[in-house]
PDB file of all heavy atoms in Angstrom:
ATOM      1  N   TYR A   1      69.394  59.100  67.875  1.00  0.00           N
ATOM      2  CA  TYR A   1      68.556  59.988  67.049  1.00  0.00           C
ATOM      3  C   TYR A   1      67.123  59.462  66.934  1.00  0.00           C
ATOM      4  O   TYR A   1      66.159  60.163  67.255  1.00  0.00           O
ATOM      5  CB  TYR A   1      69.180  60.146  65.659  1.00  0.00           C
ATOM      6  CG  TYR A   1      68.359  61.011  64.721  1.00  0.00           C
ATOM      7  CD1 TYR A   1      68.634  62.367  64.595  1.00  0.00           C
ATOM      8  CD2 TYR A   1      67.319  60.483  63.952  1.00  0.00           C
ATOM      9  CE1 TYR A   1      67.889  63.179  63.739  1.00  0.00           C
ATOM     10  CE2 TYR A   1      66.565  61.279  63.104  1.00  0.00           C
ATOM     11  CZ  TYR A   1      66.852  62.619  62.995  1.00  0.00           C
ATOM     12  OH  TYR A   1      66.106  63.406  62.152  1.00  0.00           O
ATOM     13  N   GLY A   2      66.966  58.240  66.472  1.00  0.00           N
ATOM     14  CA  GLY A   2      65.631  57.674  66.263  1.00  0.00           C
ATOM     15  C   GLY A   2      64.845  57.530  67.547  1.00  0.00           C
ATOM     16  O   GLY A   2      63.622  57.739  67.576  1.00  0.00           O
ATOM     17  N   GLU A   3      65.527  57.190  68.616  1.00  0.00           N
ATOM     18  CA  GLU A   3      64.851  57.030  69.906  1.00  0.00           C
ATOM     19  C   GLU A   3      64.333  58.376  70.397  1.00  0.00           C
ATOM     20  O   GLU A   3      63.206  58.471  70.908  1.00  0.00           O
ATOM     21  CB  GLU A   3      65.813  56.433  70.925  1.00  0.00           C
ATOM     22  CG  GLU A   3      65.188  56.165  72.277  1.00  0.00           C
ATOM     23  CD  GLU A   3      66.128  55.447  73.235  1.00  0.00           C
ATOM     24  OE1 GLU A   3      67.293  55.174  72.855  1.00  0.00           O
ATOM     25  OE2 GLU A   3      65.689  55.157  74.364  1.00  0.00           O
ATOM     26  N   ALA A   4      65.130  59.431  70.259  1.00  0.00           N
ATOM     27  CA  ALA A   4      64.700  60.761  70.704  1.00  0.00           C
ATOM     28  C   ALA A   4      63.496  61.242  69.911  1.00  0.00           C
ATOM     29  O   ALA A   4      62.573  61.863  70.466  1.00  0.00           O
ATOM     30  CB  ALA A   4      65.853  61.751  70.559  1.00  0.00           C
ATOM     31  N   PHE A   5      63.486  60.949  68.618  1.00  0.00           N
ATOM     32  CA  PHE A   5      62.340  61.334  67.788  1.00  0.00           C
ATOM     33  C   PHE A   5      61.072  60.661  68.291  1.00  0.00           C
ATOM     34  O   PHE A   5      60.022  61.297  68.446  1.00  0.00           O
ATOM     35  CB  PHE A   5      62.629  60.961  66.333  1.00  0.00           C
ATOM     36  CG  PHE A   5      61.406  60.889  65.466  1.00  0.00           C
ATOM     37  CD1 PHE A   5      60.661  62.027  65.200  1.00  0.00           C
ATOM     38  CD2 PHE A   5      60.981  59.681  64.945  1.00  0.00           C
ATOM     39  CE1 PHE A   5      59.517  61.957  64.410  1.00  0.00           C
ATOM     40  CE2 PHE A   5      59.850  59.600  64.151  1.00  0.00           C
ATOM     41  CZ  PHE A   5      59.117  60.746  63.888  1.00  0.00           C
ATOM     42  N   ARG A   6      61.152  59.382  68.581  1.00  0.00           N
ATOM     43  CA  ARG A   6      59.963  58.654  69.044  1.00  0.00           C
ATOM     44  C   ARG A   6      59.501  59.142  70.416  1.00  0.00           C
ATOM     45  O   ARG A   6      58.298  59.185  70.695  1.00  0.00           O
ATOM     46  CB  ARG A   6      60.252  57.157  69.064  1.00  0.00           C
ATOM     47  CG  ARG A   6      60.245  56.535  67.670  1.00  0.00           C
ATOM     48  CD  ARG A   6      60.714  55.089  67.718  1.00  0.00           C
ATOM     49  NE  ARG A   6      60.577  54.443  66.437  1.00  0.00           N
ATOM     50  CZ  ARG A   6      61.397  54.629  65.400  1.00  0.00           C
ATOM     51  NH1 ARG A   6      62.419  55.471  65.522  1.00  0.00           N
ATOM     52  NH2 ARG A   6      61.205  54.004  64.246  1.00  0.00           N
ATOM     53  N   GLU A   7      60.425  59.503  71.267  1.00  0.00           N
ATOM     54  CA  GLU A   7      60.060  60.034  72.577  1.00  0.00           C
ATOM     55  C   GLU A   7      59.284  61.349  72.427  1.00  0.00           C
ATOM     56  O   GLU A   7      58.332  61.608  73.164  1.00  0.00           O
ATOM     57  CB  GLU A   7      61.316  60.256  73.421  1.00  0.00           C
ATOM     58  CG  GLU A   7      61.906  58.984  73.998  1.00  0.00           C
ATOM     59  CD  GLU A   7      60.954  58.297  74.973  1.00  0.00           C
ATOM     60  OE1 GLU A   7      60.370  58.986  75.833  1.00  0.00           O
ATOM     61  OE2 GLU A   7      60.783  57.068  74.861  1.00  0.00           O
ATOM     62  N   ALA A   8      59.712  62.170  71.459  1.00  0.00           N
ATOM     63  CA  ALA A   8      59.034  63.453  71.250  1.00  0.00           C
ATOM     64  C   ALA A   8      57.589  63.269  70.802  1.00  0.00           C
ATOM     65  O   ALA A   8      56.717  64.075  71.142  1.00  0.00           O
ATOM     66  CB  ALA A   8      59.803  64.280  70.222  1.00  0.00           C
ATOM     67  N   LEU A   9      57.324  62.203  70.066  1.00  0.00           N
ATOM     68  CA  LEU A   9      55.970  61.959  69.579  1.00  0.00           C
ATOM     69  C   LEU A   9      54.997  61.629  70.708  1.00  0.00           C
ATOM     70  O   LEU A   9      53.786  61.713  70.521  1.00  0.00           O
ATOM     71  CB  LEU A   9      55.971  60.819  68.558  1.00  0.00           C
ATOM     72  CG  LEU A   9      56.683  61.082  67.225  1.00  0.00           C
ATOM     73  CD1 LEU A   9      56.446  59.913  66.279  1.00  0.00           C
ATOM     74  CD2 LEU A   9      56.213  62.382  66.581  1.00  0.00           C
ATOM     75  N   LYS A  10      55.516  61.266  71.878  1.00  0.00           N
ATOM     76  CA  LYS A  10      54.647  60.984  73.011  1.00  0.00           C
ATOM     77  C   LYS A  10      53.967  62.268  73.519  1.00  0.00           C
ATOM     78  O   LYS A  10      52.900  62.208  74.118  1.00  0.00           O
ATOM     79  CB  LYS A  10      55.440  60.327  74.137  1.00  0.00           C
ATOM     80  CG  LYS A  10      55.963  58.931  73.777  1.00  0.00           C
ATOM     81  CD  LYS A  10      56.775  58.332  74.911  1.00  0.00           C
ATOM     82  CE  LYS A  10      57.298  56.942  74.553  1.00  0.00           C
ATOM     83  NZ  LYS A  10      58.135  56.358  75.639  1.00  0.00           N
ATOM     84  N   GLU A  11      54.610  63.422  73.260  1.00  0.00           N
ATOM     85  CA  GLU A  11      54.033  64.701  73.675  1.00  0.00           C
ATOM     86  C   GLU A  11      53.211  65.337  72.562  1.00  0.00           C
ATOM     87  O   GLU A  11      52.207  65.994  72.814  1.00  0.00           O
ATOM     88  CB  GLU A  11      55.147  65.651  74.111  1.00  0.00           C
ATOM     89  CG  GLU A  11      55.871  65.202  75.366  1.00  0.00           C
ATOM     90  CD  GLU A  11      56.821  66.266  75.889  1.00  0.00           C
ATOM     91  OE1 GLU A  11      56.568  67.476  75.635  1.00  0.00           O
ATOM     92  OE2 GLU A  11      57.809  65.904  76.551  1.00  0.00           O
ATOM     93  N   ASP A  12      53.660  65.188  71.319  1.00  0.00           N
ATOM     94  CA  ASP A  12      52.918  65.712  70.167  1.00  0.00           C
ATOM     95  C   ASP A  12      53.060  64.677  69.059  1.00  0.00           C
ATOM     96  O   ASP A  12      54.126  64.540  68.458  1.00  0.00           O
ATOM     97  CB  ASP A  12      53.476  67.066  69.724  1.00  0.00           C
ATOM     98  CG  ASP A  12      52.639  67.708  68.615  1.00  0.00           C
ATOM     99  OD1 ASP A  12      51.904  66.978  67.912  1.00  0.00           O
ATOM    100  OD2 ASP A  12      52.715  68.933  68.446  1.00  0.00           O
ATOM    101  N   ALA A  13      51.997  63.968  68.768  1.00  0.00           N
ATOM    102  CA  ALA A  13      52.057  62.848  67.831  1.00  0.00           C
ATOM    103  C   ALA A  13      52.105  63.287  66.377  1.00  0.00           C
ATOM    104  O   ALA A  13      52.342  62.461  65.500  1.00  0.00           O
ATOM    105  CB  ALA A  13      50.852  61.917  68.040  1.00  0.00           C
ATOM    106  N   SER A  14      51.896  64.581  66.117  1.00  0.00           N
ATOM    107  CA  SER A  14      51.836  65.009  64.721  1.00  0.00           C
ATOM    108  C   SER A  14      52.466  66.379  64.509  1.00  0.00           C
ATOM    109  O   SER A  14      51.813  67.317  64.036  1.00  0.00           O
ATOM    110  CB  SER A  14      50.382  65.019  64.233  1.00  0.00           C
ATOM    111  OG  SER A  14      50.323  65.211  62.840  1.00  0.00           O
ATOM    112  N   PRO A  15      53.766  66.533  64.824  1.00  0.00           N
ATOM    113  CA  PRO A  15      54.431  67.809  64.536  1.00  0.00           C
ATOM    114  C   PRO A  15      54.638  67.967  63.034  1.00  0.00           C
ATOM    115  O   PRO A  15      54.637  66.971  62.294  1.00  0.00           O
ATOM    116  CB  PRO A  15      55.771  67.663  65.259  1.00  0.00           C
ATOM    117  CG  PRO A  15      56.046  66.185  65.209  1.00  0.00           C
ATOM    118  CD  PRO A  15      54.690  65.527  65.362  1.00  0.00           C
ATOM    119  N   LEU A  16      54.840  69.186  62.588  1.00  0.00           N
ATOM    120  CA  LEU A  16      55.201  69.391  61.185  1.00  0.00           C
ATOM    121  C   LEU A  16      56.572  68.788  60.900  1.00  0.00           C
ATOM    122  O   LEU A  16      56.739  68.025  59.949  1.00  0.00           O
ATOM    123  CB  LEU A  16      55.224  70.890  60.860  1.00  0.00           C
ATOM    124  CG  LEU A  16      53.902  71.564  60.521  1.00  0.00           C
ATOM    125  CD1 LEU A  16      54.086  73.072  60.474  1.00  0.00           C
ATOM    126  CD2 LEU A  16      53.363  71.048  59.193  1.00  0.00           C
ATOM    127  N   ILE A  17      57.528  69.176  61.737  1.00  0.00           N
ATOM    128  CA  ILE A  17      58.872  68.620  61.643  1.00  0.00           C
ATOM    129  C   ILE A  17      59.406  68.397  63.046  1.00  0.00           C
ATOM    130  O   ILE A  17      58.968  69.035  64.009  1.00  0.00           O
ATOM    131  CB  ILE A  17      59.848  69.532  60.861  1.00  0.00           C
ATOM    132  CG1 ILE A  17      59.975  70.917  61.531  1.00  0.00           C
ATOM    133  CG2 ILE A  17      59.438  69.650  59.401  1.00  0.00           C
ATOM    134  CD1 ILE A  17      61.043  71.812  60.914  1.00  0.00           C
ATOM    135  N   TRP A  18      60.341  67.484  63.152  1.00  0.00           N
ATOM    136  CA  TRP A  18      61.125  67.291  64.369  1.00  0.00           C
ATOM    137  C   TRP A  18      62.585  67.428  63.960  1.00  0.00           C
ATOM    138  O   TRP A  18      62.988  66.902  62.908  1.00  0.00           O
ATOM    139  CB  TRP A  18      60.876  65.903  64.958  1.00  0.00           C
ATOM    140  CG  TRP A  18      61.707  65.583  66.165  1.00  0.00           C
ATOM    141  CD1 TRP A  18      61.368  65.793  67.468  1.00  0.00           C
ATOM    142  CD2 TRP A  18      63.021  64.997  66.196  1.00  0.00           C
ATOM    143  NE1 TRP A  18      62.377  65.373  68.308  1.00  0.00           N
ATOM    144  CE2 TRP A  18      63.414  64.883  67.542  1.00  0.00           C
ATOM    145  CE3 TRP A  18      63.900  64.555  65.209  1.00  0.00           C
ATOM    146  CZ2 TRP A  18      64.643  64.349  67.936  1.00  0.00           C
ATOM    147  CZ3 TRP A  18      65.136  64.031  65.578  1.00  0.00           C
ATOM    148  CH2 TRP A  18      65.487  63.918  66.939  1.00  0.00           C
ATOM    149  N   PHE A  19      63.356  68.134  64.745  1.00  0.00           N
ATOM    150  CA  PHE A  19      64.778  68.273  64.416  1.00  0.00           C
ATOM    151  C   PHE A  19      65.588  68.395  65.692  1.00  0.00           C
ATOM    152  O   PHE A  19      65.052  68.708  66.763  1.00  0.00           O
ATOM    153  CB  PHE A  19      65.021  69.474  63.491  1.00  0.00           C
ATOM    154  CG  PHE A  19      64.729  70.809  64.113  1.00  0.00           C
ATOM    155  CD1 PHE A  19      65.748  71.587  64.636  1.00  0.00           C
ATOM    156  CD2 PHE A  19      63.426  71.304  64.167  1.00  0.00           C
ATOM    157  CE1 PHE A  19      65.484  72.826  65.206  1.00  0.00           C
ATOM    158  CE2 PHE A  19      63.146  72.541  64.734  1.00  0.00           C
ATOM    159  CZ  PHE A  19      64.175  73.298  65.256  1.00  0.00           C
ATOM    160  N   CYS A  20      66.859  68.153  65.579  1.00  0.00           N
ATOM    161  CA  CYS A  20      67.744  68.165  66.742  1.00  0.00           C
ATOM    162  C   CYS A  20      68.909  69.123  66.503  1.00  0.00           C
ATOM    163  O   CYS A  20      69.137  69.609  65.392  1.00  0.00           O
ATOM    164  CB  CYS A  20      68.268  66.766  67.024  1.00  0.00           C
ATOM    165  SG  CYS A  20      69.288  66.080  65.690  1.00  0.00           S
ATOM    166  N   ASP A  21      69.645  69.366  67.567  1.00  0.00           N
ATOM    167  CA  ASP A  21      70.902  70.093  67.429  1.00  0.00           C
ATOM    168  C   ASP A  21      71.898  69.187  66.710  1.00  0.00           C
ATOM    169  O   ASP A  21      71.729  67.962  66.653  1.00  0.00           O
ATOM    170  CB  ASP A  21      71.430  70.488  68.810  1.00  0.00           C
ATOM    171  CG  ASP A  21      72.445  71.621  68.738  1.00  0.00           C
ATOM    172  OD1 ASP A  21      72.828  72.013  67.624  1.00  0.00           O
ATOM    173  OD2 ASP A  21      72.861  72.102  69.807  1.00  0.00           O
ATOM    174  N   TYR A  22      72.917  69.794  66.145  1.00  0.00           N
ATOM    175  CA  TYR A  22      73.877  69.000  65.378  1.00  0.00           C
ATOM    176  C   TYR A  22      75.280  69.553  65.563  1.00  0.00           C
ATOM    177  O   TYR A  22      75.478  70.710  65.964  1.00  0.00           O
ATOM    178  CB  TYR A  22      73.504  68.994  63.891  1.00  0.00           C
ATOM    179  CG  TYR A  22      73.663  70.330  63.191  1.00  0.00           C
ATOM    180  CD1 TYR A  22      74.808  70.617  62.447  1.00  0.00           C
ATOM    181  CD2 TYR A  22      72.684  71.309  63.287  1.00  0.00           C
ATOM    182  CE1 TYR A  22      74.962  71.842  61.818  1.00  0.00           C
ATOM    183  CE2 TYR A  22      72.824  72.526  62.664  1.00  0.00           C
ATOM    184  CZ  TYR A  22      73.971  72.798  61.925  1.00  0.00           C
ATOM    185  OH  TYR A  22      74.116  74.010  61.312  1.00  0.00           O
ATOM    186  N   GLY A  23      76.247  68.713  65.289  1.00  0.00           N
ATOM    187  CA  GLY A  23      77.643  69.127  65.281  1.00  0.00           C
ATOM    188  C   GLY A  23      78.208  68.941  63.886  1.00  0.00           C
ATOM    189  O   GLY A  23      77.480  68.722  62.917  1.00  0.00           O
ATOM    190  N   GLU A  24      79.519  69.023  63.782  1.00  0.00           N
ATOM    191  CA  GLU A  24      80.181  68.883  62.495  1.00  0.00           C
ATOM    192  C   GLU A  24      81.272  67.828  62.560  1.00  0.00           C
ATOM    193  O   GLU A  24      81.896  67.609  63.606  1.00  0.00           O
ATOM    194  CB  GLU A  24      80.795  70.210  62.055  1.00  0.00           C
ATOM    195  CG  GLU A  24      79.774  71.289  61.784  1.00  0.00           C
ATOM    196  CD  GLU A  24      80.405  72.615  61.424  1.00  0.00           C
ATOM    197  OE1 GLU A  24      81.605  72.814  61.722  1.00  0.00           O
ATOM    198  OE2 GLU A  24      79.698  73.470  60.852  1.00  0.00           O
ATOM    199  N   LYS A  25      81.475  67.170  61.446  1.00  0.00           N
ATOM    200  CA  LYS A  25      82.579  66.225  61.290  1.00  0.00           C
ATOM    201  C   LYS A  25      83.572  66.842  60.313  1.00  0.00           C
ATOM    202  O   LYS A  25      83.264  67.061  59.143  1.00  0.00           O
ATOM    203  CB  LYS A  25      82.057  64.887  60.753  1.00  0.00           C
ATOM    204  CG  LYS A  25      83.057  63.752  60.868  1.00  0.00           C
ATOM    205  CD  LYS A  25      83.245  63.311  62.308  1.00  0.00           C
ATOM    206  CE  LYS A  25      84.154  62.087  62.405  1.00  0.00           C
ATOM    207  NZ  LYS A  25      84.397  61.705  63.814  1.00  0.00           N
ATOM    208  N   ARG A  26      84.747  67.169  60.806  1.00  0.00           N
ATOM    209  CA  ARG A  26      85.796  67.769  59.982  1.00  0.00           C
ATOM    210  C   ARG A  26      87.006  66.852  59.991  1.00  0.00           C
ATOM    211  O   ARG A  26      87.763  66.835  60.955  1.00  0.00           O
ATOM    212  CB  ARG A  26      86.153  69.163  60.496  1.00  0.00           C
ATOM    213  CG  ARG A  26      85.017  70.171  60.364  1.00  0.00           C
ATOM    214  CD  ARG A  26      85.360  71.515  60.989  1.00  0.00           C
ATOM    215  NE  ARG A  26      84.322  72.504  60.737  1.00  0.00           N
ATOM    216  CZ  ARG A  26      84.356  73.385  59.743  1.00  0.00           C
ATOM    217  NH1 ARG A  26      85.397  73.402  58.927  1.00  0.00           N
ATOM    218  NH2 ARG A  26      83.372  74.256  59.572  1.00  0.00           N
ATOM    219  N   GLY A  27      87.149  66.077  58.926  1.00  0.00           N
ATOM    220  CA  GLY A  27      88.183  65.061  58.927  1.00  0.00           C
ATOM    221  C   GLY A  27      87.889  64.032  59.998  1.00  0.00           C
ATOM    222  O   GLY A  27      86.798  63.473  60.055  1.00  0.00           O
ATOM    223  N   GLU A  28      88.819  63.809  60.876  1.00  0.00           N
ATOM    224  CA  GLU A  28      88.611  62.875  61.981  1.00  0.00           C
ATOM    225  C   GLU A  28      88.075  63.569  63.224  1.00  0.00           C
ATOM    226  O   GLU A  28      87.778  62.915  64.223  1.00  0.00           O
ATOM    227  CB  GLU A  28      89.938  62.166  62.324  1.00  0.00           C
ATOM    228  CG  GLU A  28      90.488  61.299  61.210  1.00  0.00           C
ATOM    229  CD  GLU A  28      89.513  60.207  60.805  1.00  0.00           C
ATOM    230  OE1 GLU A  28      88.937  59.572  61.709  1.00  0.00           O
ATOM    231  OE2 GLU A  28      89.327  59.990  59.593  1.00  0.00           O
ATOM    232  N   ASP A  29      87.944  64.883  63.170  1.00  0.00           N
ATOM    233  CA  ASP A  29      87.536  65.651  64.345  1.00  0.00           C
ATOM    234  C   ASP A  29      86.024  65.846  64.388  1.00  0.00           C
ATOM    235  O   ASP A  29      85.392  66.128  63.365  1.00  0.00           O
ATOM    236  CB  ASP A  29      88.221  67.023  64.344  1.00  0.00           C
ATOM    237  CG  ASP A  29      89.728  66.919  64.466  1.00  0.00           C
ATOM    238  OD1 ASP A  29      90.201  65.958  65.102  1.00  0.00           O
ATOM    239  OD2 ASP A  29      90.436  67.788  63.912  1.00  0.00           O
ATOM    240  N   THR A  30      85.464  65.714  65.578  1.00  0.00           N
ATOM    241  CA  THR A  30      84.057  66.015  65.821  1.00  0.00           C
ATOM    242  C   THR A  30      83.968  67.358  66.523  1.00  0.00           C
ATOM    243  O   THR A  30      84.572  67.553  67.581  1.00  0.00           O
ATOM    244  CB  THR A  30      83.401  64.930  66.690  1.00  0.00           C
ATOM    245  OG1 THR A  30      83.425  63.681  65.983  1.00  0.00           O
ATOM    246  CG2 THR A  30      81.964  65.293  67.017  1.00  0.00           C
ATOM    247  N   VAL A  31      83.249  68.295  65.927  1.00  0.00           N
ATOM    248  CA  VAL A  31      83.135  69.653  66.454  1.00  0.00           C
ATOM    249  C   VAL A  31      81.692  69.896  66.876  1.00  0.00           C
ATOM    250  O   VAL A  31      80.776  69.825  66.062  1.00  0.00           O
ATOM    251  CB  VAL A  31      83.548  70.701  65.397  1.00  0.00           C
ATOM    252  CG1 VAL A  31      83.396  72.109  65.952  1.00  0.00           C
ATOM    253  CG2 VAL A  31      84.975  70.448  64.925  1.00  0.00           C
ATOM    254  N   THR A  32      81.490  70.157  68.155  1.00  0.00           N
ATOM    255  CA  THR A  32      80.140  70.472  68.648  1.00  0.00           C
ATOM    256  C   THR A  32      80.039  71.904  69.154  1.00  0.00           C
ATOM    257  O   THR A  32      78.945  72.377  69.440  1.00  0.00           O
ATOM    258  CB  THR A  32      79.722  69.513  69.776  1.00  0.00           C
ATOM    259  OG1 THR A  32      80.692  69.570  70.830  1.00  0.00           O
ATOM    260  CG2 THR A  32      79.625  68.082  69.256  1.00  0.00           C
ATOM    261  N   GLU A  33      81.189  72.592  69.247  1.00  0.00           N
ATOM    262  CA  GLU A  33      81.205  73.986  69.682  1.00  0.00           C
ATOM    263  C   GLU A  33      82.056  74.792  68.707  1.00  0.00           C
ATOM    264  O   GLU A  33      83.242  74.532  68.537  1.00  0.00           O
ATOM    265  CB  GLU A  33      81.777  74.117  71.093  1.00  0.00           C
ATOM    266  CG  GLU A  33      80.959  73.426  72.170  1.00  0.00           C
ATOM    267  CD  GLU A  33      79.616  74.096  72.400  1.00  0.00           C
ATOM    268  OE1 GLU A  33      79.491  75.298  72.101  1.00  0.00           O
ATOM    269  OE2 GLU A  33      78.690  73.413  72.875  1.00  0.00           O
TER     270      GLU A  33
END
């Protein structure tokens, strides 16, 4: 996560926000779809 954020700043050093796609944690299961 942190590495991807820093890489994005190389193209635009001052975005309003940076955000990524996300999945869900349901109990022990990881759901990305």
